[in-house]
Amino acid sequence: MSNKERNNVFSVRNFRLVFFGALVSELGTSLYSFAVGFYILKISANNAFLQGLYLAVCGVVLLLFTPVGGVLGDRFNKARIMFICDYLKGGVILLATLLMLMFRENSIHIAILFAAGILGNAVSGIFNPASSALLPYIVAEEKLQQGNSYFSMKNALVNIFGILLAGVLYAAMPIQQLFFIVGICYVLSGVSEMFIRYESVPKEDKLTFRSALGDMQEGLMYLKTQKAIIALVVATLFINFFLTPVFSNFVPYFVSTDVAGAPSYLFQEYLKPELWSSVFIMLIGLSSLVGSLIYSTLPPKDKCGYSTALRTCGMAAVLIAATIAYWQLVACGRSLNAFLIFMSLGSFLMGLLLVFINIPLSTMMMRIVDKEKISKVSSLTSMASQGLIPIASVMAGIVLQWSGITMLLAVCSAGLLATALSMLFNKEIRKI
């Protein structure tokens, strides 16, 4: 093996197992998330509030179980937690598929989707802290940025091919067949993760409710000493609040109403309306792939706070431009096709900016947080940064239902700009 091959993080067997297991699992998640969003709108007569409520309920469950996952991740073998959770998620989806085949009523299907979303997100809340904390245990510190870059490439590949595949499969087959494929993806991911081996030292004291609360308190006390991380988490909380509805609420609703309801639209001979959603996410994935390739070759920097604030300002600028473009081109009836082109370019820019923010921040967190506390800290920061997403999903659904797309985009744009400017002048964020 050459020195170049040894220096590549893919030379680490455990990393390859985690990478390909996560690739298959996230492909399943991508197929499922795409299908559920459109299917709920389809069987509820484009009820944006119901779709937002589904996203909110799933988000709340994910938040509630994430601290539990943080405690378990620091106490037990992280790889074992991951493959058990993937098997459970696969089982939930396969059971939901069977029930949807048995019962054909739309109202029952909605109930099944809500139940599967609740159970699946409860399991994901346990899975995510263990998964996000595993990398420092299986690769050397100097390879962390490269490892995070490859994980970002994985996400990009899922966005490029997974979403495109989701659009094609959703249009070509019954929803039950698509869900069956998703369940199999989770099972195959679990098989890969079963072979991960690393040195895991479980805590000696027995896990009880009191000890679990003590572990959570330990993580909170540790975070209190990290003022820069707290400032960054608060900023991320509002970034997620204003950015998530754009992808989760706006895009499916825009495609289901403006594109599907138009007498003609760009490339209608080749693309069904739902596939335009795939195009936007695929372009985000393509630009993310480019950005990840760039970062995989760069040495890690000591500080990333100020550059993160600048790039968040860039995202706000893209969203403001999209708001104005929708208002002028679609709401005023000038040109749907011009807006589709604009959204395609904006999606590409947004994906690039997201990668330039996420990779350095993830690497920084892994470098400065103590390894034995990383699952708890990861779960707490994840819960804090995503705490407003369920509220955002419901509010976005209400705004869409009663005020329309232009108002939703305007509110999200103004909020993201205010958040970006506050980051730019925050002394704690500039220190990291």
Protein backbone atom coordinates (compact mmCIF):
# COMPACT_ATOMS: atom_id res chain seq x y z
CA MET A 1 0.00 0.00 0.00
CA SER A 2 1.42 3.41 -1.01
CA ASN A 3 1.82 6.32 1.42
CA LYS A 4 -0.99 8.14 -0.38
CA GLU A 5 -3.32 5.18 0.20
CA ARG A 6 -2.32 4.97 3.86
CA ASN A 7 -3.03 8.67 4.35
CA ASN A 8 -6.52 8.29 2.92
CA VAL A 9 -9.22 7.70 5.51
CA PHE A 10 -10.73 4.99 3.29
CA SER A 11 -7.75 2.79 4.20
CA VAL A 12 -9.44 2.38 7.62
CA ARG A 13 -11.73 -0.68 7.53
CA ASN A 14 -14.10 0.66 10.18
CA PHE A 15 -14.53 3.90 8.24
CA ARG A 16 -15.47 2.00 5.09
CA LEU A 17 -18.08 -0.01 6.99
CA VAL A 18 -19.59 3.12 8.57
CA PHE A 19 -19.50 5.00 5.26
CA PHE A 20 -21.23 2.38 3.13
CA GLY A 21 -23.68 1.44 5.90
CA ALA A 22 -24.66 5.09 6.29
CA LEU A 23 -24.88 5.51 2.50
CA VAL A 24 -27.47 2.74 2.20
CA SER A 25 -29.36 3.88 5.31
CA GLU A 26 -29.55 7.50 4.19
CA LEU A 27 -30.64 6.41 0.73
CA GLY A 28 -33.61 4.77 2.43
CA THR A 29 -34.26 7.90 4.50
CA SER A 30 -34.12 10.02 1.35
CA LEU A 31 -36.63 7.82 -0.48
CA TYR A 32 -38.96 7.77 2.53
CA SER A 33 -38.84 11.51 3.31
CA PHE A 34 -39.50 12.43 -0.32
CA ALA A 35 -42.40 9.99 -0.66
CA VAL A 36 -44.11 10.86 2.64
CA GLY A 37 -44.14 14.61 1.95
CA PHE A 38 -45.83 14.25 -1.42
CA TYR A 39 -48.08 11.35 -0.40
CA ILE A 40 -49.59 13.26 2.53
CA LEU A 41 -50.33 16.21 0.24
CA LYS A 42 -51.80 13.84 -2.36
CA ILE A 43 -54.23 12.00 -0.07
CA SER A 44 -55.21 15.12 1.90
CA ALA A 45 -56.05 17.41 -1.06
CA ASN A 46 -52.85 19.49 -0.66
CA ASN A 47 -53.43 20.18 3.04
CA ALA A 48 -50.21 22.05 3.90
CA PHE A 49 -51.17 22.27 7.58
CA LEU A 50 -51.44 18.48 7.88
CA GLN A 51 -48.07 18.06 6.21
CA GLY A 52 -46.56 20.63 8.58
CA LEU A 53 -48.16 18.88 11.55
CA TYR A 54 -46.60 15.57 10.49
CA LEU A 55 -43.16 17.19 10.28
CA ALA A 56 -43.68 18.86 13.65
CA VAL A 57 -44.75 15.69 15.47
CA CYS A 58 -41.81 13.76 14.06
CA GLY A 59 -39.47 16.60 15.00
CA VAL A 60 -40.72 16.71 18.61
CA VAL A 61 -40.25 12.96 19.03
CA LEU A 62 -36.73 13.20 17.59
CA LEU A 63 -35.86 15.96 20.05
CA LEU A 64 -37.26 14.08 23.05
CA PHE A 65 -35.27 10.92 22.35
CA THR A 66 -31.99 12.59 21.32
CA PRO A 67 -30.77 13.12 24.94
CA VAL A 68 -31.53 9.46 25.64
CA GLY A 69 -29.36 8.57 22.67
CA GLY A 70 -26.59 10.78 24.03
CA VAL A 71 -26.57 8.96 27.36
CA LEU A 72 -26.62 5.51 25.74
CA GLY A 73 -23.94 6.49 23.19
CA ASP A 74 -21.39 7.38 25.88
CA ARG A 75 -22.19 4.27 27.95
CA PHE A 76 -22.37 1.48 25.39
CA ASN A 77 -20.81 0.36 22.11
CA LYS A 78 -21.79 2.96 19.53
CA ALA A 79 -21.67 0.57 16.57
CA ARG A 80 -23.98 -1.86 18.37
CA ILE A 81 -26.48 0.91 19.04
CA MET A 82 -26.36 1.85 15.36
CA PHE A 83 -27.08 -1.56 13.87
CA ILE A 84 -29.83 -2.33 16.40
CA CYS A 85 -31.49 0.99 15.57
CA ASP A 86 -31.24 0.39 11.82
CA TYR A 87 -32.87 -3.01 12.23
CA LEU A 88 -35.66 -1.41 14.27
CA LYS A 89 -36.23 1.35 11.68
CA GLY A 90 -36.35 -1.24 8.92
CA GLY A 91 -38.88 -3.26 10.91
CA VAL A 92 -41.10 -0.20 11.49
CA ILE A 93 -41.17 0.69 7.79
CA LEU A 94 -41.85 -2.90 6.69
CA LEU A 95 -44.70 -3.16 9.22
CA ALA A 96 -46.16 0.14 7.98
CA THR A 97 -45.96 -1.21 4.41
CA LEU A 98 -47.90 -4.32 5.39
CA LEU A 99 -50.58 -2.30 7.19
CA MET A 100 -51.01 0.04 4.21
CA LEU A 101 -51.55 -3.00 1.97
CA MET A 102 -54.17 -4.33 4.38
CA PHE A 103 -56.06 -1.03 4.80
CA ARG A 104 -56.74 1.14 1.75
CA GLU A 105 -58.55 4.17 3.24
CA ASN A 106 -56.67 7.49 3.02
CA SER A 107 -57.45 8.37 6.64
CA ILE A 108 -55.95 5.09 7.84
CA HIS A 109 -52.87 5.64 5.68
CA ILE A 110 -52.37 9.05 7.32
CA ALA A 111 -52.65 7.46 10.76
CA ILE A 112 -50.14 4.75 9.77
CA LEU A 113 -47.68 7.38 8.48
CA PHE A 114 -47.96 9.38 11.70
CA ALA A 115 -47.40 6.23 13.80
CA ALA A 116 -44.41 5.14 11.67
CA GLY A 117 -42.98 8.66 11.82
CA ILE A 118 -43.25 8.74 15.62
CA LEU A 119 -41.62 5.31 16.10
CA GLY A 120 -38.97 5.88 13.45
CA ASN A 121 -37.93 9.25 14.84
CA ALA A 122 -37.79 7.86 18.38
CA VAL A 123 -35.28 5.28 17.13
CA SER A 124 -33.41 7.95 15.14
CA GLY A 125 -33.10 10.04 18.31
CA ILE A 126 -31.16 7.15 19.88
CA PHE A 127 -29.21 6.40 16.68
CA ASN A 128 -27.97 9.89 15.79
CA PRO A 129 -25.76 10.73 18.84
CA ALA A 130 -23.98 7.37 18.62
CA SER A 131 -23.48 7.77 14.88
CA SER A 132 -22.20 11.35 15.07
CA ALA A 133 -19.78 10.49 17.91
CA LEU A 134 -18.22 7.39 16.34
CA LEU A 135 -15.79 9.03 13.89
CA PRO A 136 -13.16 10.19 16.47
CA TYR A 137 -12.99 6.59 17.76
CA ILE A 138 -12.21 5.00 14.38
CA VAL A 139 -9.92 7.54 12.66
CA ALA A 140 -6.94 9.61 13.79
CA GLU A 141 -7.45 13.29 14.68
CA GLU A 142 -5.53 14.50 11.65
CA LYS A 143 -7.97 12.62 9.41
CA LEU A 144 -11.14 14.02 10.99
CA GLN A 145 -11.64 16.78 8.40
CA GLN A 146 -11.06 14.32 5.57
CA GLY A 147 -13.51 11.89 7.17
CA ASN A 148 -16.13 14.63 7.58
CA SER A 149 -15.54 15.67 3.97
CA TYR A 150 -16.20 12.12 2.77
CA PHE A 151 -19.36 11.97 4.88
CA SER A 152 -20.43 15.22 3.24
CA MET A 153 -19.74 13.62 -0.16
CA LYS A 154 -21.95 10.72 0.92
CA ASN A 155 -24.75 13.14 1.74
CA ALA A 156 -24.23 14.81 -1.62
CA LEU A 157 -24.41 11.49 -3.46
CA VAL A 158 -27.66 10.70 -1.66
CA ASN A 159 -29.04 14.11 -2.64
CA ILE A 160 -27.97 13.65 -6.25
CA PHE A 161 -29.00 10.06 -6.92
CA GLY A 162 -31.29 9.29 -3.98
CA ILE A 163 -33.70 12.16 -4.57
CA LEU A 164 -33.69 11.61 -8.33
CA LEU A 165 -34.38 7.94 -7.74
CA ALA A 166 -37.08 8.86 -5.21
CA GLY A 167 -38.85 11.04 -7.75
CA VAL A 168 -38.70 8.33 -10.42
CA LEU A 169 -39.85 5.54 -8.08
CA TYR A 170 -42.60 7.66 -6.52
CA ALA A 171 -44.01 8.37 -9.98
CA ALA A 172 -43.54 4.80 -11.24
CA MET A 173 -44.71 2.51 -8.43
CA PRO A 174 -47.26 2.28 -5.60
CA ILE A 175 -46.19 3.88 -2.33
CA GLN A 176 -46.15 0.47 -0.61
CA GLN A 177 -43.46 -0.88 -2.96
CA LEU A 178 -41.34 2.21 -2.35
CA PHE A 179 -41.65 1.78 1.43
CA PHE A 180 -40.62 -1.86 1.12
CA ILE A 181 -37.39 -0.78 -0.60
CA VAL A 182 -36.78 1.72 2.23
CA GLY A 183 -37.17 -1.01 4.86
CA ILE A 184 -34.67 -3.24 3.07
CA CYS A 185 -32.17 -0.34 2.89
CA TYR A 186 -32.24 0.01 6.69
CA VAL A 187 -31.75 -3.74 7.18
CA LEU A 188 -28.74 -3.81 4.81
CA SER A 189 -27.22 -0.84 6.64
CA GLY A 190 -27.56 -2.74 9.92
CA VAL A 191 -25.73 -5.71 8.43
CA SER A 192 -22.76 -3.49 7.47
CA GLU A 193 -22.61 -1.85 10.91
CA MET A 194 -22.49 -5.23 12.68
CA PHE A 195 -18.88 -5.69 11.53
CA ILE A 196 -17.54 -2.41 12.97
CA ARG A 197 -14.92 -3.05 15.66
CA TYR A 198 -13.31 -0.50 17.98
CA GLU A 199 -12.22 -0.31 21.60
CA SER A 200 -15.32 0.45 23.66
CA VAL A 201 -15.12 0.74 27.45
CA PRO A 202 -18.62 0.76 29.00
CA LYS A 203 -19.18 2.67 32.23
CA GLU A 204 -18.89 0.60 35.38
CA ASP A 205 -21.92 2.05 37.17
CA LYS A 206 -25.31 0.58 36.31
CA LEU A 207 -27.60 2.57 34.02
CA THR A 208 -30.56 3.86 36.03
CA PHE A 209 -32.92 6.78 35.63
CA ARG A 210 -30.89 8.73 38.20
CA SER A 211 -27.55 7.95 36.52
CA ALA A 212 -29.02 8.92 33.12
CA LEU A 213 -30.10 12.28 34.51
CA GLY A 214 -26.61 12.64 36.00
CA ASP A 215 -25.05 11.99 32.60
CA MET A 216 -27.25 14.65 31.01
CA GLN A 217 -26.34 17.11 33.77
CA GLU A 218 -22.66 16.32 33.22
CA GLY A 219 -23.04 17.19 29.55
CA LEU A 220 -24.83 20.44 30.39
CA MET A 221 -22.16 21.44 32.89
CA TYR A 222 -19.49 20.77 30.29
CA LEU A 223 -21.31 22.89 27.72
CA LYS A 224 -21.55 25.77 30.18
CA THR A 225 -17.75 26.05 30.03
CA GLN A 226 -17.83 26.31 26.22
CA LYS A 227 -19.32 29.75 25.57
CA ALA A 228 -18.37 29.79 21.90
CA ILE A 229 -20.16 26.49 21.28
CA ILE A 230 -23.25 27.78 23.08
CA ALA A 231 -23.29 30.93 20.93
CA LEU A 232 -22.95 28.82 17.81
CA VAL A 233 -25.74 26.46 18.89
CA VAL A 234 -28.10 29.39 19.50
CA ALA A 235 -27.29 30.74 16.04
CA THR A 236 -27.86 27.31 14.48
CA LEU A 237 -31.21 27.10 16.28
CA PHE A 238 -32.48 30.11 14.36
CA ILE A 239 -30.78 29.11 11.09
CA ASN A 240 -32.69 25.82 11.22
CA PHE A 241 -35.90 27.60 12.21
CA PHE A 242 -35.85 29.85 9.16
CA LEU A 243 -34.18 27.52 6.64
CA THR A 244 -35.91 24.16 7.26
CA PRO A 245 -39.39 25.30 6.08
CA VAL A 246 -37.90 26.28 2.73
CA PHE A 247 -36.97 22.67 1.96
CA SER A 248 -39.59 20.79 4.00
CA ASN A 249 -42.68 22.94 3.39
CA PHE A 250 -42.12 25.33 0.50
CA VAL A 251 -40.63 22.99 -2.13
CA PRO A 252 -43.28 20.21 -1.94
CA TYR A 253 -46.12 22.78 -1.79
CA PHE A 254 -44.71 24.84 -4.68
CA VAL A 255 -44.34 21.73 -6.84
CA SER A 256 -47.79 20.37 -5.91
CA THR A 257 -49.57 23.67 -6.59
CA ASP A 258 -47.69 26.03 -8.92
CA VAL A 259 -45.89 23.46 -11.07
CA ALA A 260 -48.55 20.73 -11.12
CA GLY A 261 -51.31 23.31 -11.70
CA ALA A 262 -49.55 25.11 -14.56
CA PRO A 263 -50.79 24.52 -18.14
CA SER A 264 -47.16 24.02 -19.13
CA TYR A 265 -43.74 24.16 -17.48
CA LEU A 266 -40.08 23.69 -18.33
CA PHE A 267 -39.15 20.17 -19.51
CA GLN A 268 -42.68 18.85 -18.93
CA GLU A 269 -42.05 16.25 -21.64
CA TYR A 270 -39.37 14.66 -19.45
CA LEU A 271 -40.16 15.66 -15.86
CA LYS A 272 -43.34 15.04 -13.91
CA PRO A 273 -44.03 17.88 -11.43
CA GLU A 274 -42.65 15.90 -8.45
CA LEU A 275 -39.35 15.43 -10.25
CA TRP A 276 -38.69 19.19 -10.11
CA SER A 277 -38.33 18.74 -6.36
CA SER A 278 -35.71 16.09 -7.11
CA VAL A 279 -33.92 18.49 -9.45
CA PHE A 280 -33.55 21.16 -6.74
CA ILE A 281 -32.24 18.71 -4.14
CA MET A 282 -30.03 16.98 -6.71
CA LEU A 283 -28.38 20.32 -7.53
CA ILE A 284 -27.79 20.93 -3.81
CA GLY A 285 -26.14 17.51 -3.71
CA LEU A 286 -24.02 18.20 -6.78
CA SER A 287 -22.62 21.44 -5.36
CA SER A 288 -22.15 19.75 -1.97
CA LEU A 289 -20.12 17.06 -3.70
CA VAL A 290 -17.89 19.70 -5.30
CA GLY A 291 -17.42 21.50 -1.99
CA SER A 292 -16.69 18.26 -0.14
CA LEU A 293 -14.06 17.26 -2.70
CA ILE A 294 -12.36 20.62 -2.15
CA TYR A 295 -12.40 20.27 1.66
CA SER A 296 -11.09 16.69 1.59
CA THR A 297 -7.78 18.00 0.21
CA LEU A 298 -7.41 21.01 2.55
CA PRO A 299 -5.69 21.09 5.95
CA PRO A 300 -7.99 21.98 8.88
CA LYS A 301 -7.97 25.62 10.01
CA ASP A 302 -7.65 26.74 13.61
CA LYS A 303 -10.70 29.03 13.43
CA CYS A 304 -13.91 28.89 11.43
CA GLY A 305 -16.42 31.11 13.29
CA TYR A 306 -16.08 34.31 11.26
CA SER A 307 -16.06 32.50 7.92
CA THR A 308 -19.18 30.60 9.01
CA ALA A 309 -20.96 33.89 9.74
CA LEU A 310 -20.00 35.27 6.31
CA ARG A 311 -21.28 32.15 4.56
CA THR A 312 -24.54 32.32 6.49
CA CYS A 313 -24.93 35.89 5.17
CA GLY A 314 -24.46 34.39 1.71
CA MET A 315 -27.29 31.92 2.31
CA ALA A 316 -29.54 34.76 3.46
CA ALA A 317 -28.75 36.67 0.26
CA VAL A 318 -29.70 33.64 -1.88
CA LEU A 319 -32.99 33.23 -0.01
CA ILE A 320 -33.85 36.93 -0.30
CA ALA A 321 -33.24 36.74 -4.05
CA ALA A 322 -35.47 33.64 -4.26
CA THR A 323 -38.25 35.46 -2.42
CA ILE A 324 -38.16 38.42 -4.80
CA ALA A 325 -37.95 36.08 -7.81
CA TYR A 326 -41.01 34.06 -6.70
CA TRP A 327 -43.02 37.21 -6.03
CA GLN A 328 -42.20 38.77 -9.40
CA LEU A 329 -42.09 35.69 -11.61
CA VAL A 330 -44.69 33.31 -10.17
CA ALA A 331 -47.06 35.24 -7.88
CA CYS A 332 -47.36 38.03 -10.45
CA GLY A 333 -47.75 35.47 -13.25
CA ARG A 334 -44.75 36.54 -15.35
CA SER A 335 -42.78 33.30 -15.88
CA LEU A 336 -42.85 30.03 -13.95
CA ASN A 337 -40.06 28.69 -16.15
CA ALA A 338 -37.75 31.59 -15.28
CA PHE A 339 -38.30 30.89 -11.57
CA LEU A 340 -37.56 27.18 -12.06
CA ILE A 341 -34.23 28.17 -13.62
CA PHE A 342 -33.56 30.66 -10.82
CA MET A 343 -34.38 28.05 -8.15
CA SER A 344 -32.01 25.60 -9.81
CA LEU A 345 -29.14 28.10 -9.65
CA GLY A 346 -30.06 29.07 -6.08
CA SER A 347 -30.12 25.43 -4.99
CA PHE A 348 -26.62 24.93 -6.38
CA LEU A 349 -25.30 27.96 -4.47
CA MET A 350 -27.10 26.93 -1.28
CA GLY A 351 -25.54 23.45 -1.35
CA LEU A 352 -22.06 24.89 -1.74
CA LEU A 353 -22.53 27.28 1.17
CA LEU A 354 -23.96 24.55 3.43
CA VAL A 355 -20.89 22.37 2.92
CA PHE A 356 -18.50 25.26 3.58
CA ILE A 357 -20.33 25.76 6.89
CA ASN A 358 -20.94 22.19 8.05
CA ILE A 359 -17.57 20.51 7.45
CA PRO A 360 -15.35 22.95 9.39
CA LEU A 361 -17.88 23.20 12.23
CA SER A 362 -18.21 19.42 12.56
CA THR A 363 -14.43 19.02 12.55
CA MET A 364 -14.01 21.77 15.13
CA MET A 365 -16.54 20.14 17.47
CA MET A 366 -14.82 16.76 17.25
CA ARG A 367 -11.44 18.30 17.97
CA ILE A 368 -12.34 20.39 21.02
CA VAL A 369 -14.92 18.19 22.82
CA ASP A 370 -13.65 15.43 25.12
CA LYS A 371 -14.14 12.02 23.47
CA GLU A 372 -15.81 10.46 26.51
CA LYS A 373 -18.42 13.24 26.49
CA ILE A 374 -18.92 13.58 22.75
CA SER A 375 -22.21 11.62 22.48
CA LYS A 376 -23.85 13.59 25.32
CA VAL A 377 -22.58 16.91 23.98
CA SER A 378 -23.61 15.99 20.44
CA SER A 379 -27.11 15.04 21.59
CA LEU A 380 -27.53 18.22 23.63
CA THR A 381 -26.26 20.53 20.88
CA SER A 382 -28.38 18.70 18.31
CA MET A 383 -31.47 18.97 20.50
CA ALA A 384 -30.81 22.65 21.17
CA SER A 385 -30.07 23.55 17.55
CA GLN A 386 -33.18 21.73 16.29
CA GLY A 387 -35.51 22.69 19.14
CA LEU A 388 -37.59 25.11 17.07
CA ILE A 389 -37.91 22.98 13.92
CA PRO A 390 -41.25 21.38 14.94
CA ILE A 391 -42.68 24.85 15.64
CA ALA A 392 -41.27 26.10 12.34
CA SER A 393 -42.93 23.23 10.44
CA VAL A 394 -46.37 23.93 11.93
CA MET A 395 -46.08 27.70 11.50
CA ALA A 396 -44.88 27.27 7.91
CA GLY A 397 -47.87 25.04 7.18
CA ILE A 398 -50.24 27.67 8.62
CA VAL A 399 -48.59 30.49 6.66
CA LEU A 400 -48.75 28.48 3.43
CA GLN A 401 -52.38 27.55 4.00
CA TRP A 402 -53.57 31.08 4.79
CA SER A 403 -51.04 33.58 3.36
CA GLY A 404 -49.25 31.74 0.56
CA ILE A 405 -45.69 31.10 -0.55
CA THR A 406 -44.51 34.70 -0.92
CA MET A 407 -45.20 35.47 2.73
CA LEU A 408 -43.45 32.29 3.92
CA LEU A 409 -40.32 33.04 1.89
CA ALA A 410 -40.30 36.67 3.05
CA VAL A 411 -40.44 35.70 6.73
CA CYS A 412 -37.74 33.02 6.31
CA SER A 413 -35.48 35.45 4.40
CA ALA A 414 -35.77 38.23 6.98
CA GLY A 415 -35.17 35.84 9.87
CA LEU A 416 -32.13 34.20 8.27
CA LEU A 417 -30.61 37.60 7.46
CA ALA A 418 -31.07 38.79 11.08
CA THR A 419 -29.46 35.58 12.35
CA ALA A 420 -26.50 35.89 9.97
CA LEU A 421 -25.83 39.50 10.98
CA SER A 422 -25.97 38.63 14.68
CA MET A 423 -23.39 35.88 14.07
CA LEU A 424 -21.15 38.28 12.20
CA PHE A 425 -20.88 40.61 15.20
CA ASN A 426 -20.83 37.95 17.94
CA LYS A 427 -17.47 38.00 19.75
CA GLU A 428 -17.72 34.39 20.97
CA ILE A 429 -18.37 33.01 17.49
CA ARG A 430 -15.43 34.98 16.08
CA LYS A 431 -13.14 33.24 18.61
CA ILE A 432 -13.62 29.75 17.20
